[in-house]
């Protein structure tokens, strides 16, 4: 008797590489963040917590899986 392959569900959250609008600094941000994320260089808001997925205020460069 063959065993069936069970596919594992992928998580809905991930890490994103986000570029700041003001200074162009690239920073890693978690999509389900619980705190507001500010740029380390210019101190502007990059991601804001919303209780679920974070609202990103920069340009998403790529998704880090």
PDB file of N, CA and C in Angstrom:
ATOM      1  N   UNK A   1       0.843  -1.171   0.000  1.00  0.00           N
ATOM      2  CA  UNK A   1       0.000   0.000   0.000  1.00  0.00           C
ATOM      3  C   UNK A   1       0.894   1.242   0.000  1.00  0.00           C
ATOM      4  N   UNK A   2       0.655   2.176  -0.928  1.00  0.00           N
ATOM      5  CA  UNK A   2       1.457   3.391  -1.018  1.00  0.00           C
ATOM      6  C   UNK A   2       0.969   4.429  -0.025  1.00  0.00           C
ATOM      7  N   UNK A   3       1.940   5.157   0.515  1.00  0.00           N
ATOM      8  CA  UNK A   3       1.583   6.253   1.411  1.00  0.00           C
ATOM      9  C   UNK A   3       1.323   7.498   0.581  1.00  0.00           C
ATOM     10  N   UNK A   4       0.307   8.222   0.934  1.00  0.00           N
ATOM     11  CA  UNK A   4       0.002   9.472   0.241  1.00  0.00           C
ATOM     12  C   UNK A   4       0.929  10.565   0.733  1.00  0.00           C
ATOM     13  N   UNK A   5       1.318  11.417  -0.175  1.00  0.00           N
ATOM     14  CA  UNK A   5       2.144  12.560   0.214  1.00  0.00           C
ATOM     15  C   UNK A   5       1.236  13.681   0.691  1.00  0.00           C
ATOM     16  N   UNK A   6       1.550  14.183   1.863  1.00  0.00           N
ATOM     17  CA  UNK A   6       0.774  15.269   2.437  1.00  0.00           C
ATOM     18  C   UNK A   6       1.582  16.545   2.268  1.00  0.00           C
ATOM     19  N   UNK A   7       1.014  17.505   1.575  1.00  0.00           N
ATOM     20  CA  UNK A   7       1.737  18.759   1.384  1.00  0.00           C
ATOM     21  C   UNK A   7       1.632  19.607   2.647  1.00  0.00           C
ATOM     22  N   UNK A   8       2.754  20.181   3.013  1.00  0.00           N
ATOM     23  CA  UNK A   8       2.804  21.032   4.194  1.00  0.00           C
ATOM     24  C   UNK A   8       2.364  22.436   3.809  1.00  0.00           C
ATOM     25  N   UNK A   9       1.510  23.052   4.585  1.00  0.00           N
ATOM     26  CA  UNK A   9       1.092  24.419   4.265  1.00  0.00           C
ATOM     27  C   UNK A   9       2.233  25.401   4.478  1.00  0.00           C
ATOM     28  N   UNK A  10       2.324  26.379   3.588  1.00  0.00           N
ATOM     29  CA  UNK A  10       3.356  27.403   3.714  1.00  0.00           C
ATOM     30  C   UNK A  10       2.843  28.518   4.616  1.00  0.00           C
ATOM     31  N   UNK A  11       3.724  29.106   5.397  1.00  0.00           N
ATOM     32  CA  UNK A  11       3.283  30.187   6.287  1.00  0.00           C
ATOM     33  C   UNK A  11       2.867  31.420   5.494  1.00  0.00           C
ATOM     34  N   UNK A  12       1.944  32.175   6.042  1.00  0.00           N
ATOM     35  CA  UNK A  12       1.474  33.383   5.377  1.00  0.00           C
ATOM     36  C   UNK A  12       2.377  34.577   5.598  1.00  0.00           C
ATOM     37  N   UNK A  13       3.257  34.489   6.565  1.00  0.00           N
ATOM     38  CA  UNK A  13       4.160  35.599   6.855  1.00  0.00           C
ATOM     39  C   UNK A  13       5.562  35.268   6.359  1.00  0.00           C
ATOM     40  N   UNK A  14       6.335  36.320   6.108  1.00  0.00           N
ATOM     41  CA  UNK A  14       7.698  36.140   5.609  1.00  0.00           C
ATOM     42  C   UNK A  14       8.520  37.370   5.954  1.00  0.00           C
ATOM     43  N   UNK A  15       9.788  37.304   5.641  1.00  0.00           N
ATOM     44  CA  UNK A  15      10.668  38.453   5.789  1.00  0.00           C
ATOM     45  C   UNK A  15      10.766  39.163   4.446  1.00  0.00           C
ATOM     46  N   UNK A  16      10.762  40.491   4.472  1.00  0.00           N
ATOM     47  CA  UNK A  16      10.862  41.299   3.261  1.00  0.00           C
ATOM     48  C   UNK A  16      12.088  42.188   3.339  1.00  0.00           C
ATOM     49  N   UNK A  17      12.731  42.398   2.202  1.00  0.00           N
ATOM     50  CA  UNK A  17      13.806  43.374   2.106  1.00  0.00           C
ATOM     51  C   UNK A  17      13.169  44.650   1.574  1.00  0.00           C
ATOM     52  N   UNK A  18      13.151  45.701   2.396  1.00  0.00           N
ATOM     53  CA  UNK A  18      12.436  46.940   2.082  1.00  0.00           C
ATOM     54  C   UNK A  18      13.434  48.085   1.933  1.00  0.00           C
ATOM     55  N   UNK A  19      13.249  48.895   0.882  1.00  0.00           N
ATOM     56  CA  UNK A  19      14.091  50.069   0.650  1.00  0.00           C
ATOM     57  C   UNK A  19      13.343  51.310   1.120  1.00  0.00           C
ATOM     58  N   UNK A  20      14.020  52.142   1.898  1.00  0.00           N
ATOM     59  CA  UNK A  20      13.447  53.375   2.432  1.00  0.00           C
ATOM     60  C   UNK A  20      13.245  54.386   1.305  1.00  0.00           C
ATOM     61  N   UNK A  21      12.101  55.102   1.323  1.00  0.00           N
ATOM     62  CA  UNK A  21      11.819  56.120   0.309  1.00  0.00           C
ATOM     63  C   UNK A  21      12.746  57.325   0.439  1.00  0.00           C
ATOM     64  N   UNK A  22      13.082  57.702   1.661  1.00  0.00           N
ATOM     65  CA  UNK A  22      13.856  58.928   1.877  1.00  0.00           C
ATOM     66  C   UNK A  22      15.336  58.767   1.559  1.00  0.00           C
ATOM     67  N   UNK A  23      15.980  57.734   2.109  1.00  0.00           N
ATOM     68  CA  UNK A  23      17.440  57.629   1.983  1.00  0.00           C
ATOM     69  C   UNK A  23      17.912  56.462   1.121  1.00  0.00           C
ATOM     70  N   UNK A  24      17.046  55.507   0.800  1.00  0.00           N
ATOM     71  CA  UNK A  24      17.439  54.376  -0.032  1.00  0.00           C
ATOM     72  C   UNK A  24      18.071  53.227   0.733  1.00  0.00           C
ATOM     73  N   UNK A  25      18.084  53.295   2.053  1.00  0.00           N
ATOM     74  CA  UNK A  25      18.640  52.222   2.876  1.00  0.00           C
ATOM     75  C   UNK A  25      17.756  50.980   2.767  1.00  0.00           C
ATOM     76  N   UNK A  26      18.384  49.798   2.655  1.00  0.00           N
ATOM     77  CA  UNK A  26      17.637  48.546   2.597  1.00  0.00           C
ATOM     78  C   UNK A  26      17.677  47.873   3.959  1.00  0.00           C
ATOM     79  N   UNK A  27      16.511  47.394   4.400  1.00  0.00           N
ATOM     80  CA  UNK A  27      16.372  46.834   5.738  1.00  0.00           C
ATOM     81  C   UNK A  27      15.423  45.644   5.684  1.00  0.00           C
ATOM     82  N   UNK A  28      15.677  44.629   6.504  1.00  0.00           N
ATOM     83  CA  UNK A  28      14.832  43.447   6.571  1.00  0.00           C
ATOM     84  C   UNK A  28      13.695  43.679   7.559  1.00  0.00           C
ATOM     85  N   UNK A  29      12.455  43.353   7.121  1.00  0.00           N
ATOM     86  CA  UNK A  29      11.252  43.583   7.925  1.00  0.00           C
ATOM     87  C   UNK A  29      10.410  42.310   7.910  1.00  0.00           C
ATOM     88  N   UNK A  30       9.836  41.934   9.060  1.00  0.00           N
ATOM     89  CA  UNK A  30       8.915  40.805   9.147  1.00  0.00           C
ATOM     90  C   UNK A  30       7.513  41.297   8.807  1.00  0.00           C
ATOM     91  N   UNK A  31       6.772  40.534   8.003  1.00  0.00           N
ATOM     92  CA  UNK A  31       5.466  41.005   7.537  1.00  0.00           C
ATOM     93  C   UNK A  31       4.416  41.074   8.634  1.00  0.00           C
ATOM     94  N   UNK A  32       4.568  40.289   9.685  1.00  0.00           N
ATOM     95  CA  UNK A  32       3.612  40.315  10.796  1.00  0.00           C
ATOM     96  C   UNK A  32       4.255  40.951  12.022  1.00  0.00           C
ATOM     97  N   UNK A  33       4.799  42.118  11.860  1.00  0.00           N
ATOM     98  CA  UNK A  33       5.522  42.778  12.941  1.00  0.00           C
ATOM     99  C   UNK A  33       4.568  43.271  14.027  1.00  0.00           C
ATOM    100  N   UNK A  34       5.065  43.314  15.243  1.00  0.00           N
ATOM    101  CA  UNK A  34       4.257  43.777  16.371  1.00  0.00           C
ATOM    102  C   UNK A  34       4.678  45.163  16.844  1.00  0.00           C
ATOM    103  N   UNK A  35       5.695  45.735  16.207  1.00  0.00           N
ATOM    104  CA  UNK A  35       6.149  47.087  16.540  1.00  0.00           C
ATOM    105  C   UNK A  35       6.305  47.885  15.253  1.00  0.00           C
ATOM    106  N   UNK A  36       6.319  49.206  15.363  1.00  0.00           N
ATOM    107  CA  UNK A  36       6.574  50.052  14.204  1.00  0.00           C
ATOM    108  C   UNK A  36       8.066  50.009  13.889  1.00  0.00           C
ATOM    109  N   UNK A  37       8.404  49.818  12.618  1.00  0.00           N
ATOM    110  CA  UNK A  37       9.796  49.719  12.190  1.00  0.00           C
ATOM    111  C   UNK A  37      10.218  51.038  11.568  1.00  0.00           C
ATOM    112  N   UNK A  38      11.326  51.601  12.071  1.00  0.00           N
ATOM    113  CA  UNK A  38      11.863  52.848  11.535  1.00  0.00           C
ATOM    114  C   UNK A  38      13.189  52.573  10.852  1.00  0.00           C
ATOM    115  N   UNK A  39      13.524  53.405   9.880  1.00  0.00           N
ATOM    116  CA  UNK A  39      14.788  53.291   9.159  1.00  0.00           C
ATOM    117  C   UNK A  39      15.938  53.557  10.124  1.00  0.00           C
ATOM    118  N   UNK A  40      16.987  52.769  10.013  1.00  0.00           N
ATOM    119  CA  UNK A  40      18.136  52.924  10.905  1.00  0.00           C
ATOM    120  C   UNK A  40      18.980  54.139  10.543  1.00  0.00           C
ATOM    121  N   UNK A  41      18.846  54.640   9.310  1.00  0.00           N
ATOM    122  CA  UNK A  41      19.662  55.764   8.862  1.00  0.00           C
ATOM    123  C   UNK A  41      18.951  57.097   9.081  1.00  0.00           C
ATOM    124  N   UNK A  42      17.730  57.239   8.520  1.00  0.00           N
ATOM    125  CA  UNK A  42      17.042  58.539   8.560  1.00  0.00           C
ATOM    126  C   UNK A  42      15.889  58.592   9.555  1.00  0.00           C
ATOM    127  N   UNK A  43      15.584  57.488  10.239  1.00  0.00           N
ATOM    128  CA  UNK A  43      14.561  57.428  11.283  1.00  0.00           C
ATOM    129  C   UNK A  43      13.135  57.680  10.773  1.00  0.00           C
ATOM    130  N   UNK A  44      12.876  57.412   9.486  1.00  0.00           N
ATOM    131  CA  UNK A  44      11.510  57.529   8.973  1.00  0.00           C
ATOM    132  C   UNK A  44      10.814  56.171   9.086  1.00  0.00           C
ATOM    133  N   UNK A  45       9.488  56.178   9.096  1.00  0.00           N
ATOM    134  CA  UNK A  45       8.702  54.963   9.284  1.00  0.00           C
ATOM    135  C   UNK A  45       8.749  54.103   8.022  1.00  0.00           C
ATOM    136  N   UNK A  46       9.146  52.828   8.180  1.00  0.00           N
ATOM    137  CA  UNK A  46       9.209  51.888   7.054  1.00  0.00           C
ATOM    138  C   UNK A  46       8.009  50.947   7.072  1.00  0.00           C
ATOM    139  N   UNK A  47       7.648  50.426   8.252  1.00  0.00           N
ATOM    140  CA  UNK A  47       6.523  49.502   8.382  1.00  0.00           C
ATOM    141  C   UNK A  47       5.764  49.809   9.660  1.00  0.00           C
ATOM    142  N   UNK A  48       4.440  49.793   9.552  1.00  0.00           N
ATOM    143  CA  UNK A  48       3.578  50.100  10.693  1.00  0.00           C
ATOM    144  C   UNK A  48       2.768  48.867  11.052  1.00  0.00           C
ATOM    145  N   UNK A  49       2.651  48.589  12.340  1.00  0.00           N
ATOM    146  CA  UNK A  49       1.859  47.441  12.785  1.00  0.00           C
ATOM    147  C   UNK A  49       0.377  47.730  12.575  1.00  0.00           C
ATOM    148  N   UNK A  50      -0.373  46.694  12.249  1.00  0.00           N
ATOM    149  CA  UNK A  50      -1.807  46.860  12.028  1.00  0.00           C
ATOM    150  C   UNK A  50      -2.624  45.821  12.781  1.00  0.00           C
ATOM    151  N   UNK A  51      -1.970  44.936  13.504  1.00  0.00           N
ATOM    152  CA  UNK A  51      -2.674  43.860  14.184  1.00  0.00           C
ATOM    153  C   UNK A  51      -2.647  42.576  13.378  1.00  0.00           C
ATOM    154  N   UNK A  52      -2.265  42.660  12.125  1.00  0.00           N
ATOM    155  CA  UNK A  52      -2.127  41.500  11.242  1.00  0.00           C
ATOM    156  C   UNK A  52      -0.875  41.693  10.418  1.00  0.00           C
ATOM    157  N   UNK A  53      -1.061  41.824   9.117  1.00  0.00           N
ATOM    158  CA  UNK A  53       0.066  42.117   8.233  1.00  0.00           C
ATOM    159  C   UNK A  53       0.477  43.570   8.401  1.00  0.00           C
ATOM    160  N   UNK A  54       1.769  43.825   8.363  1.00  0.00           N
ATOM    161  CA  UNK A  54       2.280  45.185   8.524  1.00  0.00           C
ATOM    162  C   UNK A  54       2.019  46.001   7.260  1.00  0.00           C
ATOM    163  N   UNK A  55       1.781  47.296   7.438  1.00  0.00           N
ATOM    164  CA  UNK A  55       1.628  48.208   6.310  1.00  0.00           C
ATOM    165  C   UNK A  55       3.019  48.756   5.985  1.00  0.00           C
ATOM    166  N   UNK A  56       3.517  48.467   4.783  1.00  0.00           N
ATOM    167  CA  UNK A  56       4.879  48.824   4.399  1.00  0.00           C
ATOM    168  C   UNK A  56       4.863  50.172   3.691  1.00  0.00           C
ATOM    169  N   UNK A  57       5.716  51.100   4.149  1.00  0.00           N
ATOM    170  CA  UNK A  57       5.803  52.437   3.578  1.00  0.00           C
ATOM    171  C   UNK A  57       7.035  52.619   2.703  1.00  0.00           C
ATOM    172  N   UNK A  58       7.729  51.556   2.387  1.00  0.00           N
ATOM    173  CA  UNK A  58       8.895  51.622   1.518  1.00  0.00           C
ATOM    174  C   UNK A  58       8.660  50.765   0.289  1.00  0.00           C
ATOM    175  N   UNK A  59       9.699  50.605  -0.508  1.00  0.00           N
ATOM    176  CA  UNK A  59       9.632  49.761  -1.692  1.00  0.00           C
ATOM    177  C   UNK A  59      10.102  48.359  -1.322  1.00  0.00           C
ATOM    178  N   UNK A  60       9.275  47.350  -1.598  1.00  0.00           N
ATOM    179  CA  UNK A  60       9.660  45.969  -1.317  1.00  0.00           C
ATOM    180  C   UNK A  60      10.607  45.518  -2.425  1.00  0.00           C
ATOM    181  N   UNK A  61      11.861  45.233  -2.056  1.00  0.00           N
ATOM    182  CA  UNK A  61      12.870  44.812  -3.027  1.00  0.00           C
ATOM    183  C   UNK A  61      12.687  43.343  -3.361  1.00  0.00           C
ATOM    184  N   UNK A  62      12.604  42.494  -2.321  1.00  0.00           N
ATOM    185  CA  UNK A  62      12.356  41.069  -2.545  1.00  0.00           C
ATOM    186  C   UNK A  62      11.848  40.416  -1.274  1.00  0.00           C
ATOM    187  N   UNK A  63      11.275  39.235  -1.468  1.00  0.00           N
ATOM    188  CA  UNK A  63      10.771  38.428  -0.358  1.00  0.00           C
ATOM    189  C   UNK A  63      11.833  37.395  -0.015  1.00  0.00           C
ATOM    190  N   UNK A  64      12.231  37.348   1.234  1.00  0.00           N
ATOM    191  CA  UNK A  64      13.260  36.413   1.685  1.00  0.00           C
ATOM    192  C   UNK A  64      12.583  35.172   2.240  1.00  0.00           C
ATOM    193  N   UNK A  65      12.653  34.074   1.507  1.00  0.00           N
ATOM    194  CA  UNK A  65      12.008  32.828   1.940  1.00  0.00           C
ATOM    195  C   UNK A  65      12.964  31.909   2.622  1.00  0.00           C
TER     196      UNK A  65
END
